Amino acid sequence: MFNSSNLWTWIPDLKIQLIVWENEVLIFNRLTQDTHLLNKPADWILDKLNNNTLSVDELTKTAISQNIIPNDQDSFLYINNFLTCLKEINLIELTSNRYEDNSLA
């Protein structure tokens, strides 16, 4: 499991095509020619990370406020699992932690 303050973003130069159905999303990676079938809200997460760098906490809070997911004890874990999946299929990546102390000792 990743730290809740880690930041997520799209892989540089990612080019994907999405086909969205009621509860599923077909993702075609134009660079690798890979195709993936995922459940929603994979499309919503990719949309949020397209031009943003966000933490799992920020994504979870936004998903709850936009009624993408229910506000319950599993909300954080639900979004974190999607992020892990999207990372494993090389659609998103972790970036530096904005809360780290970057000063030299």
PDB file of N, CA and C in Angstrom:
ATOM      1  N   MET A   1       0.852  -1.179   0.000  1.00  0.00           N
ATOM      2  CA  MET A   1       0.000   0.000   0.000  1.00  0.00           C
ATOM      3  C   MET A   1       0.892   1.235   0.000  1.00  0.00           C
ATOM      4  N   PHE A   2       0.451   2.278  -0.671  1.00  0.00           N
ATOM      5  CA  PHE A   2       1.227   3.495  -0.812  1.00  0.00           C
ATOM      6  C   PHE A   2       0.853   4.497   0.269  1.00  0.00           C
ATOM      7  N   ASN A   3       1.756   5.411   0.536  1.00  0.00           N
ATOM      8  CA  ASN A   3       1.523   6.490   1.483  1.00  0.00           C
ATOM      9  C   ASN A   3       0.407   7.386   0.956  1.00  0.00           C
ATOM     10  N   SER A   4      -0.486   7.815   1.833  1.00  0.00           N
ATOM     11  CA  SER A   4      -1.644   8.609   1.409  1.00  0.00           C
ATOM     12  C   SER A   4      -1.264   9.973   0.862  1.00  0.00           C
ATOM     13  N   SER A   5      -0.065  10.451   1.157  1.00  0.00           N
ATOM     14  CA  SER A   5       0.340  11.756   0.646  1.00  0.00           C
ATOM     15  C   SER A   5       1.169  11.670  -0.636  1.00  0.00           C
ATOM     16  N   ASN A   6       1.467  10.462  -1.109  1.00  0.00           N
ATOM     17  CA  ASN A   6       2.153  10.310  -2.386  1.00  0.00           C
ATOM     18  C   ASN A   6       1.307  10.920  -3.487  1.00  0.00           C
ATOM     19  N   LEU A   7       1.959  11.464  -4.475  1.00  0.00           N
ATOM     20  CA  LEU A   7       1.258  12.113  -5.577  1.00  0.00           C
ATOM     21  C   LEU A   7       1.242  11.222  -6.810  1.00  0.00           C
ATOM     22  N   TRP A   8       0.110  11.231  -7.487  1.00  0.00           N
ATOM     23  CA  TRP A   8      -0.095  10.420  -8.683  1.00  0.00           C
ATOM     24  C   TRP A   8      -0.308  11.310  -9.891  1.00  0.00           C
ATOM     25  N   THR A   9       0.154  10.854 -11.040  1.00  0.00           N
ATOM     26  CA  THR A   9      -0.042  11.580 -12.285  1.00  0.00           C
ATOM     27  C   THR A   9       0.007  10.606 -13.455  1.00  0.00           C
ATOM     28  N   TRP A  10      -0.376  11.094 -14.640  1.00  0.00           N
ATOM     29  CA  TRP A  10      -0.282  10.279 -15.856  1.00  0.00           C
ATOM     30  C   TRP A  10       1.171   9.980 -16.169  1.00  0.00           C
ATOM     31  N   ILE A  11       1.406   8.860 -16.844  1.00  0.00           N
ATOM     32  CA  ILE A  11       2.716   8.566 -17.411  1.00  0.00           C
ATOM     33  C   ILE A  11       2.995   9.639 -18.472  1.00  0.00           C
ATOM     34  N   PRO A  12       4.211  10.184 -18.541  1.00  0.00           N
ATOM     35  CA  PRO A  12       4.494  11.198 -19.568  1.00  0.00           C
ATOM     36  C   PRO A  12       4.204  10.667 -20.979  1.00  0.00           C
ATOM     37  N   ASP A  13       3.626  11.522 -21.798  1.00  0.00           N
ATOM     38  CA  ASP A  13       3.300  11.223 -23.199  1.00  0.00           C
ATOM     39  C   ASP A  13       2.261  10.124 -23.377  1.00  0.00           C
ATOM     40  N   LEU A  14       1.507   9.824 -22.319  1.00  0.00           N
ATOM     41  CA  LEU A  14       0.463   8.804 -22.403  1.00  0.00           C
ATOM     42  C   LEU A  14      -0.606   9.234 -23.403  1.00  0.00           C
ATOM     43  N   LYS A  15      -0.981   8.320 -24.264  1.00  0.00           N
ATOM     44  CA  LYS A  15      -2.052   8.561 -25.232  1.00  0.00           C
ATOM     45  C   LYS A  15      -3.002   7.372 -25.156  1.00  0.00           C
ATOM     46  N   ILE A  16      -4.202   7.618 -24.645  1.00  0.00           N
ATOM     47  CA  ILE A  16      -5.169   6.543 -24.483  1.00  0.00           C
ATOM     48  C   ILE A  16      -6.485   6.911 -25.146  1.00  0.00           C
ATOM     49  N   GLN A  17      -7.232   5.888 -25.441  1.00  0.00           N
ATOM     50  CA  GLN A  17      -8.595   6.042 -25.939  1.00  0.00           C
ATOM     51  C   GLN A  17      -9.499   5.280 -24.980  1.00  0.00           C
ATOM     52  N   LEU A  18     -10.599   5.916 -24.559  1.00  0.00           N
ATOM     53  CA  LEU A  18     -11.535   5.300 -23.626  1.00  0.00           C
ATOM     54  C   LEU A  18     -12.869   5.044 -24.314  1.00  0.00           C
ATOM     55  N   ILE A  19     -13.414   3.890 -24.042  1.00  0.00           N
ATOM     56  CA  ILE A  19     -14.794   3.589 -24.414  1.00  0.00           C
ATOM     57  C   ILE A  19     -15.493   3.252 -23.106  1.00  0.00           C
ATOM     58  N   VAL A  20     -16.516   4.019 -22.781  1.00  0.00           N
ATOM     59  CA  VAL A  20     -17.165   3.903 -21.480  1.00  0.00           C
ATOM     60  C   VAL A  20     -18.547   3.308 -21.646  1.00  0.00           C
ATOM     61  N   TRP A  21     -18.811   2.262 -20.863  1.00  0.00           N
ATOM     62  CA  TRP A  21     -20.131   1.678 -20.771  1.00  0.00           C
ATOM     63  C   TRP A  21     -20.712   2.021 -19.409  1.00  0.00           C
ATOM     64  N   GLU A  22     -21.818   1.440 -19.066  1.00  0.00           N
ATOM     65  CA  GLU A  22     -22.492   1.759 -17.809  1.00  0.00           C
ATOM     66  C   GLU A  22     -21.583   1.578 -16.595  1.00  0.00           C
ATOM     67  N   ASN A  23     -20.928   0.423 -16.474  1.00  0.00           N
ATOM     68  CA  ASN A  23     -20.088   0.151 -15.303  1.00  0.00           C
ATOM     69  C   ASN A  23     -18.655  -0.234 -15.638  1.00  0.00           C
ATOM     70  N   GLU A  24     -18.312  -0.210 -16.917  1.00  0.00           N
ATOM     71  CA  GLU A  24     -16.979  -0.641 -17.333  1.00  0.00           C
ATOM     72  C   GLU A  24     -16.353   0.386 -18.273  1.00  0.00           C
ATOM     73  N   VAL A  25     -15.035   0.290 -18.353  1.00  0.00           N
ATOM     74  CA  VAL A  25     -14.269   1.195 -19.203  1.00  0.00           C
ATOM     75  C   VAL A  25     -13.253   0.367 -19.984  1.00  0.00           C
ATOM     76  N   LEU A  26     -13.256   0.514 -21.294  1.00  0.00           N
ATOM     77  CA  LEU A  26     -12.244  -0.111 -22.137  1.00  0.00           C
ATOM     78  C   LEU A  26     -11.180   0.945 -22.392  1.00  0.00           C
ATOM     79  N   ILE A  27      -9.936   0.619 -22.042  1.00  0.00           N
ATOM     80  CA  ILE A  27      -8.831   1.566 -22.193  1.00  0.00           C
ATOM     81  C   ILE A  27      -7.859   1.000 -23.217  1.00  0.00           C
ATOM     82  N   PHE A  28      -7.623   1.776 -24.277  1.00  0.00           N
ATOM     83  CA  PHE A  28      -6.663   1.386 -25.300  1.00  0.00           C
ATOM     84  C   PHE A  28      -5.484   2.345 -25.224  1.00  0.00           C
ATOM     85  N   ASN A  29      -4.302   1.796 -24.933  1.00  0.00           N
ATOM     86  CA  ASN A  29      -3.075   2.585 -24.865  1.00  0.00           C
ATOM     87  C   ASN A  29      -2.483   2.634 -26.267  1.00  0.00           C
ATOM     88  N   ARG A  30      -2.520   3.801 -26.868  1.00  0.00           N
ATOM     89  CA  ARG A  30      -2.053   3.953 -28.255  1.00  0.00           C
ATOM     90  C   ARG A  30      -0.542   3.763 -28.393  1.00  0.00           C
ATOM     91  N   LEU A  31       0.198   4.002 -27.335  1.00  0.00           N
ATOM     92  CA  LEU A  31       1.646   3.841 -27.406  1.00  0.00           C
ATOM     93  C   LEU A  31       2.063   2.379 -27.363  1.00  0.00           C
ATOM     94  N   THR A  32       1.450   1.612 -26.462  1.00  0.00           N
ATOM     95  CA  THR A  32       1.843   0.214 -26.286  1.00  0.00           C
ATOM     96  C   THR A  32       0.947  -0.761 -27.039  1.00  0.00           C
ATOM     97  N   GLN A  33      -0.206  -0.260 -27.516  1.00  0.00           N
ATOM     98  CA  GLN A  33      -1.219  -1.082 -28.180  1.00  0.00           C
ATOM     99  C   GLN A  33      -1.905  -2.062 -27.222  1.00  0.00           C
ATOM    100  N   ASP A  34      -1.766  -1.835 -25.918  1.00  0.00           N
ATOM    101  CA  ASP A  34      -2.421  -2.676 -24.915  1.00  0.00           C
ATOM    102  C   ASP A  34      -3.865  -2.228 -24.720  1.00  0.00           C
ATOM    103  N   THR A  35      -4.733  -3.191 -24.439  1.00  0.00           N
ATOM    104  CA  THR A  35      -6.138  -2.927 -24.164  1.00  0.00           C
ATOM    105  C   THR A  35      -6.473  -3.492 -22.792  1.00  0.00           C
ATOM    106  N   HIS A  36      -7.225  -2.716 -22.011  1.00  0.00           N
ATOM    107  CA  HIS A  36      -7.594  -3.121 -20.656  1.00  0.00           C
ATOM    108  C   HIS A  36      -9.078  -2.851 -20.441  1.00  0.00           C
ATOM    109  N   LEU A  37      -9.750  -3.780 -19.793  1.00  0.00           N
ATOM    110  CA  LEU A  37     -11.144  -3.600 -19.415  1.00  0.00           C
ATOM    111  C   LEU A  37     -11.200  -3.472 -17.898  1.00  0.00           C
ATOM    112  N   LEU A  38     -11.631  -2.298 -17.425  1.00  0.00           N
ATOM    113  CA  LEU A  38     -11.684  -2.023 -15.991  1.00  0.00           C
ATOM    114  C   LEU A  38     -13.073  -1.554 -15.598  1.00  0.00           C
ATOM    115  N   ASN A  39     -13.339  -1.652 -14.325  1.00  0.00           N
ATOM    116  CA  ASN A  39     -14.588  -1.109 -13.796  1.00  0.00           C
ATOM    117  C   ASN A  39     -14.454   0.391 -13.623  1.00  0.00           C
ATOM    118  N   LYS A  40     -15.606   1.045 -13.575  1.00  0.00           N
ATOM    119  CA  LYS A  40     -15.607   2.452 -13.189  1.00  0.00           C
ATOM    120  C   LYS A  40     -15.237   2.513 -11.714  1.00  0.00           C
ATOM    121  N   PRO A  41     -14.606   3.496 -11.216  1.00  0.00           N
ATOM    122  CA  PRO A  41     -14.356   4.821 -11.757  1.00  0.00           C
ATOM    123  C   PRO A  41     -12.976   5.004 -12.374  1.00  0.00           C
ATOM    124  N   ALA A  42     -12.438   3.991 -13.040  1.00  0.00           N
ATOM    125  CA  ALA A  42     -11.123   4.127 -13.668  1.00  0.00           C
ATOM    126  C   ALA A  42     -11.092   5.317 -14.615  1.00  0.00           C
ATOM    127  N   ASP A  43     -12.164   5.524 -15.361  1.00  0.00           N
ATOM    128  CA  ASP A  43     -12.217   6.657 -16.286  1.00  0.00           C
ATOM    129  C   ASP A  43     -12.190   7.985 -15.548  1.00  0.00           C
ATOM    130  N   TRP A  44     -12.889   8.065 -14.440  1.00  0.00           N
ATOM    131  CA  TRP A  44     -12.933   9.287 -13.638  1.00  0.00           C
ATOM    132  C   TRP A  44     -11.550   9.596 -13.065  1.00  0.00           C
ATOM    133  N   ILE A  45     -10.868   8.567 -12.548  1.00  0.00           N
ATOM    134  CA  ILE A  45      -9.527   8.750 -11.979  1.00  0.00           C
ATOM    135  C   ILE A  45      -8.558   9.228 -13.056  1.00  0.00           C
ATOM    136  N   LEU A  46      -8.581   8.599 -14.215  1.00  0.00           N
ATOM    137  CA  LEU A  46      -7.691   9.011 -15.306  1.00  0.00           C
ATOM    138  C   LEU A  46      -7.977  10.449 -15.728  1.00  0.00           C
ATOM    139  N   ASP A  47      -9.250  10.807 -15.772  1.00  0.00           N
ATOM    140  CA  ASP A  47      -9.613  12.180 -16.122  1.00  0.00           C
ATOM    141  C   ASP A  47      -9.056  13.163 -15.100  1.00  0.00           C
ATOM    142  N   LYS A  48      -9.182  12.853 -13.825  1.00  0.00           N
ATOM    143  CA  LYS A  48      -8.683  13.742 -12.769  1.00  0.00           C
ATOM    144  C   LYS A  48      -7.157  13.871 -12.818  1.00  0.00           C
ATOM    145  N   LEU A  49      -6.460  12.807 -13.188  1.00  0.00           N
ATOM    146  CA  LEU A  49      -4.997  12.828 -13.198  1.00  0.00           C
ATOM    147  C   LEU A  49      -4.422  13.299 -14.530  1.00  0.00           C
ATOM    148  N   ASN A  50      -5.267  13.527 -15.513  1.00  0.00           N
ATOM    149  CA  ASN A  50      -4.791  13.930 -16.832  1.00  0.00           C
ATOM    150  C   ASN A  50      -3.949  15.196 -16.778  1.00  0.00           C
ATOM    151  N   ASN A  51      -4.410  16.216 -16.116  1.00  0.00           N
ATOM    152  CA  ASN A  51      -3.672  17.479 -16.027  1.00  0.00           C
ATOM    153  C   ASN A  51      -3.373  17.877 -14.590  1.00  0.00           C
ATOM    154  N   ASN A  52      -3.466  16.910 -13.697  1.00  0.00           N
ATOM    155  CA  ASN A  52      -3.258  17.187 -12.278  1.00  0.00           C
ATOM    156  C   ASN A  52      -2.325  16.157 -11.658  1.00  0.00           C
ATOM    157  N   THR A  53      -1.726  16.536 -10.564  1.00  0.00           N
ATOM    158  CA  THR A  53      -0.952  15.630  -9.734  1.00  0.00           C
ATOM    159  C   THR A  53      -1.638  15.642  -8.378  1.00  0.00           C
ATOM    160  N   LEU A  54      -2.226  14.493  -7.997  1.00  0.00           N
ATOM    161  CA  LEU A  54      -3.060  14.432  -6.801  1.00  0.00           C
ATOM    162  C   LEU A  54      -2.683  13.258  -5.916  1.00  0.00           C
ATOM    163  N   SER A  55      -2.968  13.398  -4.634  1.00  0.00           N
ATOM    164  CA  SER A  55      -2.757  12.305  -3.681  1.00  0.00           C
ATOM    165  C   SER A  55      -4.005  11.425  -3.641  1.00  0.00           C
ATOM    166  N   VAL A  56      -3.870  10.247  -3.066  1.00  0.00           N
ATOM    167  CA  VAL A  56      -5.024   9.370  -2.900  1.00  0.00           C
ATOM    168  C   VAL A  56      -6.053  10.021  -1.981  1.00  0.00           C
ATOM    169  N   ASP A  57      -5.590  10.769  -0.986  1.00  0.00           N
ATOM    170  CA  ASP A  57      -6.513  11.495  -0.103  1.00  0.00           C
ATOM    171  C   ASP A  57      -7.336  12.512  -0.895  1.00  0.00           C
ATOM    172  N   GLU A  58      -6.665  13.284  -1.745  1.00  0.00           N
ATOM    173  CA  GLU A  58      -7.367  14.287  -2.552  1.00  0.00           C
ATOM    174  C   GLU A  58      -8.356  13.632  -3.514  1.00  0.00           C
ATOM    175  N   LEU A  59      -7.930  12.559  -4.146  1.00  0.00           N
ATOM    176  CA  LEU A  59      -8.828  11.848  -5.061  1.00  0.00           C
ATOM    177  C   LEU A  59     -10.032  11.272  -4.329  1.00  0.00           C
ATOM    178  N   THR A  60      -9.798  10.699  -3.161  1.00  0.00           N
ATOM    179  CA  THR A  60     -10.894  10.112  -2.382  1.00  0.00           C
ATOM    180  C   THR A  60     -11.891  11.180  -1.963  1.00  0.00           C
ATOM    181  N   LYS A  61     -11.398  12.285  -1.434  1.00  0.00           N
ATOM    182  CA  LYS A  61     -12.295  13.374  -1.012  1.00  0.00           C
ATOM    183  C   LYS A  61     -13.107  13.920  -2.185  1.00  0.00           C
ATOM    184  N   THR A  62     -12.462  14.088  -3.333  1.00  0.00           N
ATOM    185  CA  THR A  62     -13.159  14.597  -4.509  1.00  0.00           C
ATOM    186  C   THR A  62     -14.180  13.588  -5.008  1.00  0.00           C
ATOM    187  N   ALA A  63     -13.814  12.309  -5.029  1.00  0.00           N
ATOM    188  CA  ALA A  63     -14.748  11.263  -5.478  1.00  0.00           C
ATOM    189  C   ALA A  63     -15.979  11.212  -4.587  1.00  0.00           C
ATOM    190  N   ILE A  64     -15.787  11.361  -3.296  1.00  0.00           N
ATOM    191  CA  ILE A  64     -16.921  11.366  -2.363  1.00  0.00           C
ATOM    192  C   ILE A  64     -17.784  12.597  -2.594  1.00  0.00           C
ATOM    193  N   SER A  65     -17.152  13.766  -2.721  1.00  0.00           N
ATOM    194  CA  SER A  65     -17.923  15.010  -2.892  1.00  0.00           C
ATOM    195  C   SER A  65     -18.692  15.038  -4.210  1.00  0.00           C
ATOM    196  N   GLN A  66     -18.195  14.315  -5.221  1.00  0.00           N
ATOM    197  CA  GLN A  66     -18.870  14.267  -6.524  1.00  0.00           C
ATOM    198  C   GLN A  66     -19.767  13.030  -6.666  1.00  0.00           C
ATOM    199  N   ASN A  67     -19.965  12.317  -5.572  1.00  0.00           N
ATOM    200  CA  ASN A  67     -20.806  11.113  -5.548  1.00  0.00           C
ATOM    201  C   ASN A  67     -20.343  10.029  -6.524  1.00  0.00           C
ATOM    202  N   ILE A  68     -19.038   9.933  -6.709  1.00  0.00           N
ATOM    203  CA  ILE A  68     -18.463   8.875  -7.544  1.00  0.00           C
ATOM    204  C   ILE A  68     -18.405   7.575  -6.744  1.00  0.00           C
ATOM    205  N   ILE A  69     -18.084   7.704  -5.460  1.00  0.00           N
ATOM    206  CA  ILE A  69     -18.032   6.563  -4.547  1.00  0.00           C
ATOM    207  C   ILE A  69     -18.754   6.941  -3.259  1.00  0.00           C
ATOM    208  N   PRO A  70     -19.236   5.942  -2.518  1.00  0.00           N
ATOM    209  CA  PRO A  70     -19.884   6.250  -1.233  1.00  0.00           C
ATOM    210  C   PRO A  70     -18.863   6.678  -0.183  1.00  0.00           C
ATOM    211  N   ASN A  71     -19.320   7.441   0.771  1.00  0.00           N
ATOM    212  CA  ASN A  71     -18.472   7.873   1.875  1.00  0.00           C
ATOM    213  C   ASN A  71     -18.579   6.836   2.990  1.00  0.00           C
ATOM    214  N   ASP A  72     -17.684   5.867   2.967  1.00  0.00           N
ATOM    215  CA  ASP A  72     -17.680   4.843   4.004  1.00  0.00           C
ATOM    216  C   ASP A  72     -16.246   4.496   4.380  1.00  0.00           C
ATOM    217  N   GLN A  73     -16.089   3.531   5.247  1.00  0.00           N
ATOM    218  CA  GLN A  73     -14.762   3.187   5.764  1.00  0.00           C
ATOM    219  C   GLN A  73     -13.830   2.613   4.703  1.00  0.00           C
ATOM    220  N   ASP A  74     -14.366   2.174   3.564  1.00  0.00           N
ATOM    221  CA  ASP A  74     -13.549   1.576   2.515  1.00  0.00           C
ATOM    222  C   ASP A  74     -13.227   2.524   1.368  1.00  0.00           C
ATOM    223  N   SER A  75     -13.648   3.774   1.447  1.00  0.00           N
ATOM    224  CA  SER A  75     -13.468   4.727   0.342  1.00  0.00           C
ATOM    225  C   SER A  75     -11.998   4.903  -0.035  1.00  0.00           C
ATOM    226  N   PHE A  76     -11.155   5.151   0.954  1.00  0.00           N
ATOM    227  CA  PHE A  76      -9.730   5.343   0.708  1.00  0.00           C
ATOM    228  C   PHE A  76      -9.123   4.105   0.052  1.00  0.00           C
ATOM    229  N   LEU A  77      -9.430   2.933   0.609  1.00  0.00           N
ATOM    230  CA  LEU A  77      -8.893   1.685   0.082  1.00  0.00           C
ATOM    231  C   LEU A  77      -9.371   1.439  -1.345  1.00  0.00           C
ATOM    232  N   TYR A  78     -10.616   1.763  -1.626  1.00  0.00           N
ATOM    233  CA  TYR A  78     -11.189   1.591  -2.959  1.00  0.00           C
ATOM    234  C   TYR A  78     -10.413   2.404  -3.999  1.00  0.00           C
ATOM    235  N   ILE A  79     -10.192   3.685  -3.726  1.00  0.00           N
ATOM    236  CA  ILE A  79      -9.441   4.534  -4.656  1.00  0.00           C
ATOM    237  C   ILE A  79      -7.989   4.078  -4.736  1.00  0.00           C
ATOM    238  N   ASN A  80      -7.396   3.730  -3.604  1.00  0.00           N
ATOM    239  CA  ASN A  80      -6.015   3.262  -3.597  1.00  0.00           C
ATOM    240  C   ASN A  80      -5.842   2.002  -4.445  1.00  0.00           C
ATOM    241  N   ASN A  81      -6.803   1.092  -4.384  1.00  0.00           N
ATOM    242  CA  ASN A  81      -6.732  -0.128  -5.202  1.00  0.00           C
ATOM    243  C   ASN A  81      -6.793   0.184  -6.694  1.00  0.00           C
ATOM    244  N   PHE A  82      -7.629   1.152  -7.067  1.00  0.00           N
ATOM    245  CA  PHE A  82      -7.679   1.560  -8.476  1.00  0.00           C
ATOM    246  C   PHE A  82      -6.362   2.183  -8.904  1.00  0.00           C
ATOM    247  N   LEU A  83      -5.780   3.022  -8.063  1.00  0.00           N
ATOM    248  CA  LEU A  83      -4.492   3.633  -8.394  1.00  0.00           C
ATOM    249  C   LEU A  83      -3.421   2.568  -8.577  1.00  0.00           C
ATOM    250  N   THR A  84      -3.411   1.592  -7.705  1.00  0.00           N
ATOM    251  CA  THR A  84      -2.442   0.496  -7.808  1.00  0.00           C
ATOM    252  C   THR A  84      -2.616  -0.255  -9.124  1.00  0.00           C
ATOM    253  N   CYS A  85      -3.849  -0.539  -9.482  1.00  0.00           N
ATOM    254  CA  CYS A  85      -4.135  -1.228 -10.739  1.00  0.00           C
ATOM    255  C   CYS A  85      -3.682  -0.401 -11.941  1.00  0.00           C
ATOM    256  N   LEU A  86      -4.013   0.877 -11.949  1.00  0.00           N
ATOM    257  CA  LEU A  86      -3.631   1.751 -13.060  1.00  0.00           C
ATOM    258  C   LEU A  86      -2.118   1.899 -13.157  1.00  0.00           C
ATOM    259  N   LYS A  87      -1.436   1.850 -12.021  1.00  0.00           N
ATOM    260  CA  LYS A  87       0.030   1.886 -12.026  1.00  0.00           C
ATOM    261  C   LYS A  87       0.594   0.592 -12.604  1.00  0.00           C
ATOM    262  N   GLU A  88       0.004  -0.526 -12.232  1.00  0.00           N
ATOM    263  CA  GLU A  88       0.495  -1.824 -12.711  1.00  0.00           C
ATOM    264  C   GLU A  88       0.368  -1.979 -14.218  1.00  0.00           C
ATOM    265  N   ILE A  89      -0.601  -1.302 -14.818  1.00  0.00           N
ATOM    266  CA  ILE A  89      -0.759  -1.397 -16.277  1.00  0.00           C
ATOM    267  C   ILE A  89      -0.162  -0.165 -16.977  1.00  0.00           C
ATOM    268  N   ASN A  90       0.686   0.564 -16.248  1.00  0.00           N
ATOM    269  CA  ASN A  90       1.490   1.659 -16.787  1.00  0.00           C
ATOM    270  C   ASN A  90       0.684   2.807 -17.386  1.00  0.00           C
ATOM    271  N   LEU A  91      -0.384   3.198 -16.689  1.00  0.00           N
ATOM    272  CA  LEU A  91      -1.153   4.363 -17.116  1.00  0.00           C
ATOM    273  C   LEU A  91      -0.895   5.575 -16.224  1.00  0.00           C
ATOM    274  N   ILE A  92      -0.504   5.319 -14.974  1.00  0.00           N
ATOM    275  CA  ILE A  92      -0.173   6.401 -14.048  1.00  0.00           C
ATOM    276  C   ILE A  92       1.103   6.040 -13.306  1.00  0.00           C
ATOM    277  N   GLU A  93       1.662   7.042 -12.631  1.00  0.00           N
ATOM    278  CA  GLU A  93       2.881   6.805 -11.859  1.00  0.00           C
ATOM    279  C   GLU A  93       2.883   7.658 -10.610  1.00  0.00           C
ATOM    280  N   LEU A  94       3.689   7.233  -9.653  1.00  0.00           N
ATOM    281  CA  LEU A  94       3.923   8.028  -8.455  1.00  0.00           C
ATOM    282  C   LEU A  94       4.949   9.098  -8.783  1.00  0.00           C
ATOM    283  N   THR A  95       4.736  10.286  -8.234  1.00  0.00           N
ATOM    284  CA  THR A  95       5.722  11.350  -8.367  1.00  0.00           C
ATOM    285  C   THR A  95       6.230  11.676  -6.974  1.00  0.00           C
ATOM    286  N   SER A  96       7.044  12.679  -6.865  1.00  0.00           N
ATOM    287  CA  SER A  96       7.590  13.026  -5.552  1.00  0.00           C
ATOM    288  C   SER A  96       6.486  13.459  -4.603  1.00  0.00           C
ATOM    289  N   ASN A  97       6.752  13.290  -3.353  1.00  0.00           N
ATOM    290  CA  ASN A  97       5.809  13.646  -2.300  1.00  0.00           C
ATOM    291  C   ASN A  97       5.923  15.138  -2.027  1.00  0.00           C
ATOM    292  N   ARG A  98       4.829  15.890  -2.181  1.00  0.00           N
ATOM    293  CA  ARG A  98       4.894  17.355  -1.993  1.00  0.00           C
ATOM    294  C   ARG A  98       5.143  17.734  -0.549  1.00  0.00           C
ATOM    295  N   TYR A  99       4.970  16.775   0.379  1.00  0.00           N
ATOM    296  CA  TYR A  99       5.140  17.065   1.795  1.00  0.00           C
ATOM    297  C   TYR A  99       6.520  16.722   2.313  1.00  0.00           C
ATOM    298  N   GLU A 100       7.382  16.208   1.430  1.00  0.00           N
ATOM    299  CA  GLU A 100       8.723  15.848   1.861  1.00  0.00           C
ATOM    300  C   GLU A 100       9.539  17.092   2.160  1.00  0.00           C
ATOM    301  N   ASP A 101      10.461  16.949   3.077  1.00  0.00           N
ATOM    302  CA  ASP A 101      11.401  18.024   3.358  1.00  0.00           C
ATOM    303  C   ASP A 101      12.569  17.856   2.418  1.00  0.00           C
ATOM    304  N   ASN A 102      12.724  18.765   1.471  1.00  0.00           N
ATOM    305  CA  ASN A 102      13.789  18.658   0.482  1.00  0.00           C
ATOM    306  C   ASN A 102      15.033  19.461   0.853  1.00  0.00           C
ATOM    307  N   SER A 103      15.108  19.955   2.076  1.00  0.00           N
ATOM    308  CA  SER A 103      16.277  20.738   2.475  1.00  0.00           C
ATOM    309  C   SER A 103      17.468  19.825   2.715  1.00  0.00           C
ATOM    310  N   LEU A 104      18.624  20.383   2.492  1.00  0.00           N
ATOM    311  CA  LEU A 104      19.854  19.621   2.720  1.00  0.00           C
ATOM    312  C   LEU A 104      20.279  19.795   4.173  1.00  0.00           C
ATOM    313  N   ALA A 105      20.774  18.711   4.763  1.00  0.00           N
ATOM    314  CA  ALA A 105      21.203  18.769   6.167  1.00  0.00           C
ATOM    315  C   ALA A 105      22.589  19.321   6.260  1.00  0.00           C
TER     316      ALA A 105
END
